[in-house]
PDB file of N, CA and C in Angstrom:
ATOM      1  N   MET A   1      -8.258 -35.735  10.966  1.00  0.00           N
ATOM      2  CA  MET A   1      -7.025 -35.825  10.201  1.00  0.00           C
ATOM      3  C   MET A   1      -5.974 -34.964  10.884  1.00  0.00           C
ATOM      4  N   ILE A   2      -4.795 -35.525  11.120  1.00  0.00           N
ATOM      5  CA  ILE A   2      -3.701 -34.778  11.729  1.00  0.00           C
ATOM      6  C   ILE A   2      -2.760 -34.326  10.627  1.00  0.00           C
ATOM      7  N   ASN A   3      -2.513 -33.030  10.566  1.00  0.00           N
ATOM      8  CA  ASN A   3      -1.630 -32.450   9.574  1.00  0.00           C
ATOM      9  C   ASN A   3      -0.361 -32.015  10.291  1.00  0.00           C
ATOM     10  N   LYS A   4       0.776 -32.526   9.898  1.00  0.00           N
ATOM     11  CA  LYS A   4       2.022 -32.209  10.589  1.00  0.00           C
ATOM     12  C   LYS A   4       2.776 -31.063   9.926  1.00  0.00           C
ATOM     13  N   PHE A   5       2.151 -30.295   9.078  1.00  0.00           N
ATOM     14  CA  PHE A   5       2.797 -29.170   8.421  1.00  0.00           C
ATOM     15  C   PHE A   5       3.063 -28.068   9.442  1.00  0.00           C
ATOM     16  N   THR A   6       4.280 -27.562   9.459  1.00  0.00           N
ATOM     17  CA  THR A   6       4.624 -26.410  10.303  1.00  0.00           C
ATOM     18  C   THR A   6       5.377 -25.403   9.454  1.00  0.00           C
ATOM     19  N   THR A   7       5.309 -24.158   9.856  1.00  0.00           N
ATOM     20  CA  THR A   7       6.008 -23.093   9.154  1.00  0.00           C
ATOM     21  C   THR A   7       6.377 -22.008  10.153  1.00  0.00           C
ATOM     22  N   SER A   8       7.209 -21.087   9.727  1.00  0.00           N
ATOM     23  CA  SER A   8       7.653 -20.001  10.595  1.00  0.00           C
ATOM     24  C   SER A   8       7.425 -18.663   9.913  1.00  0.00           C
ATOM     25  N   VAL A   9       7.377 -17.614  10.720  1.00  0.00           N
ATOM     26  CA  VAL A   9       7.216 -16.264  10.195  1.00  0.00           C
ATOM     27  C   VAL A   9       8.355 -15.973   9.216  1.00  0.00           C
ATOM     28  N   GLY A  10       8.001 -15.397   8.075  1.00  0.00           N
ATOM     29  CA  GLY A  10       8.984 -15.051   7.055  1.00  0.00           C
ATOM     30  C   GLY A  10       9.158 -16.093   5.974  1.00  0.00           C
ATOM     31  N   GLU A  11       8.714 -17.312   6.223  1.00  0.00           N
ATOM     32  CA  GLU A  11       8.831 -18.344   5.194  1.00  0.00           C
ATOM     33  C   GLU A  11       7.824 -18.094   4.081  1.00  0.00           C
ATOM     34  N   HIS A  12       8.170 -18.553   2.913  1.00  0.00           N
ATOM     35  CA  HIS A  12       7.272 -18.464   1.766  1.00  0.00           C
ATOM     36  C   HIS A  12       6.580 -19.801   1.609  1.00  0.00           C
ATOM     37  N   ILE A  13       5.287 -19.744   1.361  1.00  0.00           N
ATOM     38  CA  ILE A  13       4.502 -20.951   1.157  1.00  0.00           C
ATOM     39  C   ILE A  13       3.703 -20.822  -0.132  1.00  0.00           C
ATOM     40  N   ILE A  14       3.343 -21.947  -0.677  1.00  0.00           N
ATOM     41  CA  ILE A  14       2.461 -22.011  -1.848  1.00  0.00           C
ATOM     42  C   ILE A  14       1.165 -22.658  -1.378  1.00  0.00           C
ATOM     43  N   VAL A  15       0.052 -21.974  -1.590  1.00  0.00           N
ATOM     44  CA  VAL A  15      -1.264 -22.507  -1.250  1.00  0.00           C
ATOM     45  C   VAL A  15      -2.152 -22.341  -2.477  1.00  0.00           C
ATOM     46  N   ARG A  16      -2.727 -23.440  -2.925  1.00  0.00           N
ATOM     47  CA  ARG A  16      -3.616 -23.430  -4.098  1.00  0.00           C
ATOM     48  C   ARG A  16      -2.962 -22.734  -5.296  1.00  0.00           C
ATOM     49  N   GLY A  17      -1.654 -22.922  -5.456  1.00  0.00           N
ATOM     50  CA  GLY A  17      -0.935 -22.388  -6.606  1.00  0.00           C
ATOM     51  C   GLY A  17      -0.497 -20.946  -6.493  1.00  0.00           C
ATOM     52  N   GLU A  18      -0.716 -20.301  -5.355  1.00  0.00           N
ATOM     53  CA  GLU A  18      -0.320 -18.901  -5.167  1.00  0.00           C
ATOM     54  C   GLU A  18       0.726 -18.803  -4.059  1.00  0.00           C
ATOM     55  N   GLU A  19       1.602 -17.793  -4.160  1.00  0.00           N
ATOM     56  CA  GLU A  19       2.692 -17.626  -3.197  1.00  0.00           C
ATOM     57  C   GLU A  19       2.328 -16.618  -2.112  1.00  0.00           C
ATOM     58  N   PHE A  20       2.736 -16.943  -0.888  1.00  0.00           N
ATOM     59  CA  PHE A  20       2.462 -16.100   0.281  1.00  0.00           C
ATOM     60  C   PHE A  20       3.688 -16.037   1.185  1.00  0.00           C
ATOM     61  N   ILE A  21       3.794 -14.944   1.967  1.00  0.00           N
ATOM     62  CA  ILE A  21       4.800 -14.825   3.020  1.00  0.00           C
ATOM     63  C   ILE A  21       4.072 -14.977   4.346  1.00  0.00           C
ATOM     64  N   VAL A  22       4.548 -15.897   5.178  1.00  0.00           N
ATOM     65  CA  VAL A  22       3.928 -16.148   6.479  1.00  0.00           C
ATOM     66  C   VAL A  22       4.202 -14.965   7.407  1.00  0.00           C
ATOM     67  N   GLN A  23       3.135 -14.400   7.978  1.00  0.00           N
ATOM     68  CA  GLN A  23       3.246 -13.278   8.902  1.00  0.00           C
ATOM     69  C   GLN A  23       3.055 -13.707  10.351  1.00  0.00           C
ATOM     70  N   LYS A  24       2.272 -14.776  10.568  1.00  0.00           N
ATOM     71  CA  LYS A  24       1.965 -15.199  11.927  1.00  0.00           C
ATOM     72  C   LYS A  24       1.461 -16.637  11.886  1.00  0.00           C
ATOM     73  N   THR A  25       1.798 -17.401  12.915  1.00  0.00           N
ATOM     74  CA  THR A  25       1.238 -18.743  13.056  1.00  0.00           C
ATOM     75  C   THR A  25       0.684 -18.898  14.469  1.00  0.00           C
ATOM     76  N   ASP A  26      -0.452 -19.532  14.579  1.00  0.00           N
ATOM     77  CA  ASP A  26      -1.088 -19.794  15.869  1.00  0.00           C
ATOM     78  C   ASP A  26      -1.443 -21.267  15.932  1.00  0.00           C
ATOM     79  N   LYS A  27      -1.023 -21.927  16.994  1.00  0.00           N
ATOM     80  CA  LYS A  27      -1.349 -23.343  17.183  1.00  0.00           C
ATOM     81  C   LYS A  27      -2.821 -23.472  17.560  1.00  0.00           C
ATOM     82  N   LEU A  28      -3.484 -24.464  16.963  1.00  0.00           N
ATOM     83  CA  LEU A  28      -4.894 -24.735  17.228  1.00  0.00           C
ATOM     84  C   LEU A  28      -5.013 -26.087  17.925  1.00  0.00           C
ATOM     85  N   GLY A  29      -5.299 -26.085  19.186  1.00  0.00           N
ATOM     86  CA  GLY A  29      -5.518 -27.340  19.902  1.00  0.00           C
ATOM     87  C   GLY A  29      -4.270 -28.185  20.045  1.00  0.00           C
ATOM     88  N   ASP A  30      -4.484 -29.480  20.241  1.00  0.00           N
ATOM     89  CA  ASP A  30      -3.392 -30.415  20.498  1.00  0.00           C
ATOM     90  C   ASP A  30      -3.067 -31.329  19.321  1.00  0.00           C
ATOM     91  N   ASP A  31      -3.621 -31.066  18.171  1.00  0.00           N
ATOM     92  CA  ASP A  31      -3.441 -32.008  17.056  1.00  0.00           C
ATOM     93  C   ASP A  31      -2.467 -31.528  15.977  1.00  0.00           C
ATOM     94  N   ASN A  32      -1.530 -30.645  16.324  1.00  0.00           N
ATOM     95  CA  ASN A  32      -0.533 -30.119  15.381  1.00  0.00           C
ATOM     96  C   ASN A  32      -1.150 -29.309  14.250  1.00  0.00           C
ATOM     97  N   SER A  33      -2.311 -28.740  14.452  1.00  0.00           N
ATOM     98  CA  SER A  33      -2.934 -27.867  13.459  1.00  0.00           C
ATOM     99  C   SER A  33      -2.564 -26.420  13.762  1.00  0.00           C
ATOM    100  N   PHE A  34      -2.467 -25.614  12.706  1.00  0.00           N
ATOM    101  CA  PHE A  34      -2.097 -24.220  12.850  1.00  0.00           C
ATOM    102  C   PHE A  34      -3.016 -23.327  12.033  1.00  0.00           C
ATOM    103  N   LYS A  35      -3.167 -22.093  12.495  1.00  0.00           N
ATOM    104  CA  LYS A  35      -3.782 -21.034  11.703  1.00  0.00           C
ATOM    105  C   LYS A  35      -2.613 -20.204  11.193  1.00  0.00           C
ATOM    106  N   ILE A  36      -2.505 -20.050   9.894  1.00  0.00           N
ATOM    107  CA  ILE A  36      -1.408 -19.324   9.267  1.00  0.00           C
ATOM    108  C   ILE A  36      -1.956 -18.029   8.677  1.00  0.00           C
ATOM    109  N   THR A  37      -1.430 -16.905   9.123  1.00  0.00           N
ATOM    110  CA  THR A  37      -1.765 -15.603   8.548  1.00  0.00           C
ATOM    111  C   THR A  37      -0.641 -15.259   7.579  1.00  0.00           C
ATOM    112  N   ALA A  38      -0.991 -14.958   6.338  1.00  0.00           N
ATOM    113  CA  ALA A  38       0.024 -14.742   5.314  1.00  0.00           C
ATOM    114  C   ALA A  38      -0.359 -13.602   4.377  1.00  0.00           C
ATOM    115  N   MET A  39       0.660 -12.929   3.841  1.00  0.00           N
ATOM    116  CA  MET A  39       0.478 -11.846   2.869  1.00  0.00           C
ATOM    117  C   MET A  39       0.735 -12.402   1.474  1.00  0.00           C
ATOM    118  N   GLY A  40      -0.161 -12.114   0.557  1.00  0.00           N
ATOM    119  CA  GLY A  40      -0.006 -12.584  -0.811  1.00  0.00           C
ATOM    120  C   GLY A  40       1.163 -11.928  -1.506  1.00  0.00           C
ATOM    121  N   VAL A  41       1.881 -12.719  -2.306  1.00  0.00           N
ATOM    122  CA  VAL A  41       3.044 -12.227  -3.044  1.00  0.00           C
ATOM    123  C   VAL A  41       2.822 -12.336  -4.544  1.00  0.00           C
ATOM    124  N   SER A  42       2.171 -13.396  -4.985  1.00  0.00           N
ATOM    125  CA  SER A  42       1.983 -13.589  -6.419  1.00  0.00           C
ATOM    126  C   SER A  42       0.995 -12.560  -6.971  1.00  0.00           C
ATOM    127  N   GLU A  43       0.944 -12.446  -8.272  1.00  0.00           N
ATOM    128  CA  GLU A  43       0.167 -11.384  -8.924  1.00  0.00           C
ATOM    129  C   GLU A  43      -1.296 -11.348  -8.479  1.00  0.00           C
ATOM    130  N   LEU A  44      -1.926 -12.477  -8.366  1.00  0.00           N
ATOM    131  CA  LEU A  44      -3.340 -12.544  -8.016  1.00  0.00           C
ATOM    132  C   LEU A  44      -3.615 -12.143  -6.561  1.00  0.00           C
ATOM    133  N   THR A  45      -2.680 -12.434  -5.664  1.00  0.00           N
ATOM    134  CA  THR A  45      -2.914 -12.247  -4.228  1.00  0.00           C
ATOM    135  C   THR A  45      -2.148 -11.086  -3.614  1.00  0.00           C
ATOM    136  N   ARG A  46      -1.287 -10.456  -4.362  1.00  0.00           N
ATOM    137  CA  ARG A  46      -0.363  -9.432  -3.859  1.00  0.00           C
ATOM    138  C   ARG A  46      -1.063  -8.348  -3.046  1.00  0.00           C
ATOM    139  N   GLY A  47      -0.505  -8.121  -1.836  1.00  0.00           N
ATOM    140  CA  GLY A  47      -1.007  -7.046  -0.989  1.00  0.00           C
ATOM    141  C   GLY A  47      -2.216  -7.398  -0.142  1.00  0.00           C
ATOM    142  N   HIS A  48      -2.726  -8.599  -0.268  1.00  0.00           N
ATOM    143  CA  HIS A  48      -3.892  -9.019   0.510  1.00  0.00           C
ATOM    144  C   HIS A  48      -3.473 -10.025   1.573  1.00  0.00           C
ATOM    145  N   THR A  49      -4.138  -9.966   2.732  1.00  0.00           N
ATOM    146  CA  THR A  49      -3.856 -10.882   3.820  1.00  0.00           C
ATOM    147  C   THR A  49      -4.835 -12.054   3.771  1.00  0.00           C
ATOM    148  N   PHE A  50      -4.313 -13.243   3.991  1.00  0.00           N
ATOM    149  CA  PHE A  50      -5.100 -14.466   3.950  1.00  0.00           C
ATOM    150  C   PHE A  50      -4.862 -15.263   5.221  1.00  0.00           C
ATOM    151  N   ILE A  51      -5.851 -16.035   5.635  1.00  0.00           N
ATOM    152  CA  ILE A  51      -5.706 -16.931   6.783  1.00  0.00           C
ATOM    153  C   ILE A  51      -6.004 -18.349   6.304  1.00  0.00           C
ATOM    154  N   PHE A  52      -5.075 -19.256   6.591  1.00  0.00           N
ATOM    155  CA  PHE A  52      -5.222 -20.660   6.226  1.00  0.00           C
ATOM    156  C   PHE A  52      -5.163 -21.498   7.486  1.00  0.00           C
ATOM    157  N   ARG A  53      -5.962 -22.547   7.527  1.00  0.00           N
ATOM    158  CA  ARG A  53      -5.919 -23.496   8.642  1.00  0.00           C
ATOM    159  C   ARG A  53      -5.419 -24.822   8.107  1.00  0.00           C
ATOM    160  N   THR A  54      -4.364 -25.338   8.745  1.00  0.00           N
ATOM    161  CA  THR A  54      -3.783 -26.582   8.252  1.00  0.00           C
ATOM    162  C   THR A  54      -4.712 -27.772   8.450  1.00  0.00           C
ATOM    163  N   ASP A  55      -5.656 -27.671   9.381  1.00  0.00           N
ATOM    164  CA  ASP A  55      -6.589 -28.784   9.574  1.00  0.00           C
ATOM    165  C   ASP A  55      -7.713 -28.788   8.538  1.00  0.00           C
ATOM    166  N   LEU A  56      -7.875 -27.709   7.803  1.00  0.00           N
ATOM    167  CA  LEU A  56      -8.926 -27.641   6.788  1.00  0.00           C
ATOM    168  C   LEU A  56      -8.392 -27.811   5.365  1.00  0.00           C
ATOM    169  N   GLU A  57      -7.104 -27.569   5.171  1.00  0.00           N
ATOM    170  CA  GLU A  57      -6.491 -27.737   3.849  1.00  0.00           C
ATOM    171  C   GLU A  57      -6.032 -29.188   3.706  1.00  0.00           C
ATOM    172  N   SER A  58      -6.065 -29.698   2.492  1.00  0.00           N
ATOM    173  CA  SER A  58      -5.528 -31.047   2.285  1.00  0.00           C
ATOM    174  C   SER A  58      -4.015 -30.985   2.486  1.00  0.00           C
ATOM    175  N   PRO A  59      -3.401 -32.075   2.926  1.00  0.00           N
ATOM    176  CA  PRO A  59      -1.969 -32.061   3.229  1.00  0.00           C
ATOM    177  C   PRO A  59      -1.091 -31.616   2.063  1.00  0.00           C
ATOM    178  N   ASP A  60      -1.541 -31.803   0.848  1.00  0.00           N
ATOM    179  CA  ASP A  60      -0.731 -31.416  -0.317  1.00  0.00           C
ATOM    180  C   ASP A  60      -0.990 -29.987  -0.774  1.00  0.00           C
ATOM    181  N   GLU A  61      -1.944 -29.277  -0.181  1.00  0.00           N
ATOM    182  CA  GLU A  61      -2.300 -27.921  -0.619  1.00  0.00           C
ATOM    183  C   GLU A  61      -1.341 -26.844  -0.122  1.00  0.00           C
ATOM    184  N   ILE A  62      -0.741 -27.017   1.044  1.00  0.00           N
ATOM    185  CA  ILE A  62       0.176 -26.016   1.593  1.00  0.00           C
ATOM    186  C   ILE A  62       1.584 -26.585   1.518  1.00  0.00           C
ATOM    187  N   LYS A  63       2.456 -25.880   0.798  1.00  0.00           N
ATOM    188  CA  LYS A  63       3.832 -26.349   0.632  1.00  0.00           C
ATOM    189  C   LYS A  63       4.800 -25.212   0.932  1.00  0.00           C
ATOM    190  N   LYS A  64       5.922 -25.553   1.553  1.00  0.00           N
ATOM    191  CA  LYS A  64       6.979 -24.571   1.760  1.00  0.00           C
ATOM    192  C   LYS A  64       7.694 -24.356   0.438  1.00  0.00           C
ATOM    193  N   LEU A  65       8.082 -23.118   0.201  1.00  0.00           N
ATOM    194  CA  LEU A  65       8.789 -22.788  -1.029  1.00  0.00           C
ATOM    195  C   LEU A  65      10.274 -22.666  -0.714  1.00  0.00           C
ATOM    196  N   GLU A  66      11.090 -23.292  -1.508  1.00  0.00           N
ATOM    197  CA  GLU A  66      12.538 -23.193  -1.329  1.00  0.00           C
ATOM    198  C   GLU A  66      12.964 -21.737  -1.513  1.00  0.00           C
ATOM    199  N   PRO A  67      13.871 -21.244  -0.671  1.00  0.00           N
ATOM    200  CA  PRO A  67      14.288 -19.832  -0.749  1.00  0.00           C
ATOM    201  C   PRO A  67      14.760 -19.404  -2.138  1.00  0.00           C
ATOM    202  N   LYS A  68      15.378 -20.290  -2.873  1.00  0.00           N
ATOM    203  CA  LYS A  68      15.880 -19.921  -4.209  1.00  0.00           C
ATOM    204  C   LYS A  68      14.741 -19.686  -5.208  1.00  0.00           C
ATOM    205  N   ASN A  69      13.519 -20.097  -4.861  1.00  0.00           N
ATOM    206  CA  ASN A  69      12.388 -19.977  -5.779  1.00  0.00           C
ATOM    207  C   ASN A  69      11.396 -18.873  -5.413  1.00  0.00           C
ATOM    208  N   VAL A  70      11.710 -18.037  -4.425  1.00  0.00           N
ATOM    209  CA  VAL A  70      10.753 -17.022  -3.987  1.00  0.00           C
ATOM    210  C   VAL A  70      10.694 -15.854  -4.956  1.00  0.00           C
ATOM    211  N   THR A  71       9.540 -15.177  -4.995  1.00  0.00           N
ATOM    212  CA  THR A  71       9.377 -14.026  -5.883  1.00  0.00           C
ATOM    213  C   THR A  71       9.392 -12.715  -5.111  1.00  0.00           C
ATOM    214  N   SER A  72       9.673 -12.760  -3.804  1.00  0.00           N
ATOM    215  CA  SER A  72       9.574 -11.546  -2.998  1.00  0.00           C
ATOM    216  C   SER A  72      10.555 -10.470  -3.431  1.00  0.00           C
ATOM    217  N   LEU A  73      11.730 -10.831  -3.933  1.00  0.00           N
ATOM    218  CA  LEU A  73      12.672  -9.809  -4.372  1.00  0.00           C
ATOM    219  C   LEU A  73      12.088  -9.030  -5.546  1.00  0.00           C
ATOM    220  N   ARG A  74      11.429  -9.729  -6.421  1.00  0.00           N
ATOM    221  CA  ARG A  74      10.768  -9.069  -7.538  1.00  0.00           C
ATOM    222  C   ARG A  74       9.632  -8.199  -7.004  1.00  0.00           C
ATOM    223  N   PHE A  75       8.856  -8.718  -6.047  1.00  0.00           N
ATOM    224  CA  PHE A  75       7.760  -7.989  -5.425  1.00  0.00           C
ATOM    225  C   PHE A  75       8.288  -6.741  -4.721  1.00  0.00           C
ATOM    226  N   LEU A  76       9.364  -6.884  -3.935  1.00  0.00           N
ATOM    227  CA  LEU A  76       9.951  -5.757  -3.220  1.00  0.00           C
ATOM    228  C   LEU A  76      10.424  -4.701  -4.202  1.00  0.00           C
ATOM    229  N   HIS A  77      11.057  -5.102  -5.279  1.00  0.00           N
ATOM    230  CA  HIS A  77      11.533  -4.155  -6.288  1.00  0.00           C
ATOM    231  C   HIS A  77      10.360  -3.373  -6.890  1.00  0.00           C
ATOM    232  N   GLU A  78       9.255  -4.044  -7.172  1.00  0.00           N
ATOM    233  CA  GLU A  78       8.096  -3.379  -7.753  1.00  0.00           C
ATOM    234  C   GLU A  78       7.481  -2.361  -6.794  1.00  0.00           C
ATOM    235  N   VAL A  79       7.553  -2.632  -5.503  1.00  0.00           N
ATOM    236  CA  VAL A  79       6.969  -1.738  -4.509  1.00  0.00           C
ATOM    237  C   VAL A  79       7.897  -0.584  -4.184  1.00  0.00           C
ATOM    238  N   VAL A  80       9.196  -0.855  -4.025  1.00  0.00           N
ATOM    239  CA  VAL A  80      10.153   0.154  -3.580  1.00  0.00           C
ATOM    240  C   VAL A  80      10.608   1.061  -4.713  1.00  0.00           C
ATOM    241  N   SER A  81      10.784   0.525  -5.906  1.00  0.00           N
ATOM    242  CA  SER A  81      11.311   1.322  -7.019  1.00  0.00           C
ATOM    243  C   SER A  81      10.533   2.620  -7.251  1.00  0.00           C
ATOM    244  N   PRO A  82       9.216   2.579  -7.345  1.00  0.00           N
ATOM    245  CA  PRO A  82       8.488   3.845  -7.563  1.00  0.00           C
ATOM    246  C   PRO A  82       8.670   4.846  -6.423  1.00  0.00           C
ATOM    247  N   LEU A  83       8.906   4.354  -5.217  1.00  0.00           N
ATOM    248  CA  LEU A  83       9.075   5.236  -4.063  1.00  0.00           C
ATOM    249  C   LEU A  83      10.432   5.903  -4.039  1.00  0.00           C
ATOM    250  N   THR A  84      11.439   5.244  -4.614  1.00  0.00           N
ATOM    251  CA  THR A  84      12.805   5.780  -4.553  1.00  0.00           C
ATOM    252  C   THR A  84      13.164   6.610  -5.784  1.00  0.00           C
ATOM    253  N   GLN A  85      12.345   6.570  -6.791  1.00  0.00           N
ATOM    254  CA  GLN A  85      12.636   7.358  -7.993  1.00  0.00           C
ATOM    255  C   GLN A  85      12.213   8.801  -7.777  1.00  0.00           C
ATOM    256  N   GLY A  86      13.022   9.690  -8.251  1.00  0.00           N
ATOM    257  CA  GLY A  86      12.728  11.113  -8.109  1.00  0.00           C
ATOM    258  C   GLY A  86      11.576  11.572  -8.968  1.00  0.00           C
ATOM    259  N   PRO A  87      11.131  12.811  -8.776  1.00  0.00           N
ATOM    260  CA  PRO A  87      10.007  13.332  -9.564  1.00  0.00           C
ATOM    261  C   PRO A  87      10.329  13.517 -11.014  1.00  0.00           C
TER     262      PRO A  87
END
């Protein structure tokens, strides 16, 4: 099966209902398959690194997320706010 899904570093993707930020992509062979390394953003996956292969996922399992729908700003606020608040 040839999967024509492509993505770039920094893009947000949805895989199996969870949101991730793409950290790295590596082309696998000559069939347009990629290994995607991504950091979890949604509550269940936050802070964990995941690797997805486009040749092993069904074509409908990995989707690009429109920039207006990303949760990273909320995620960034949750991470940075405690660090910037005084004692």
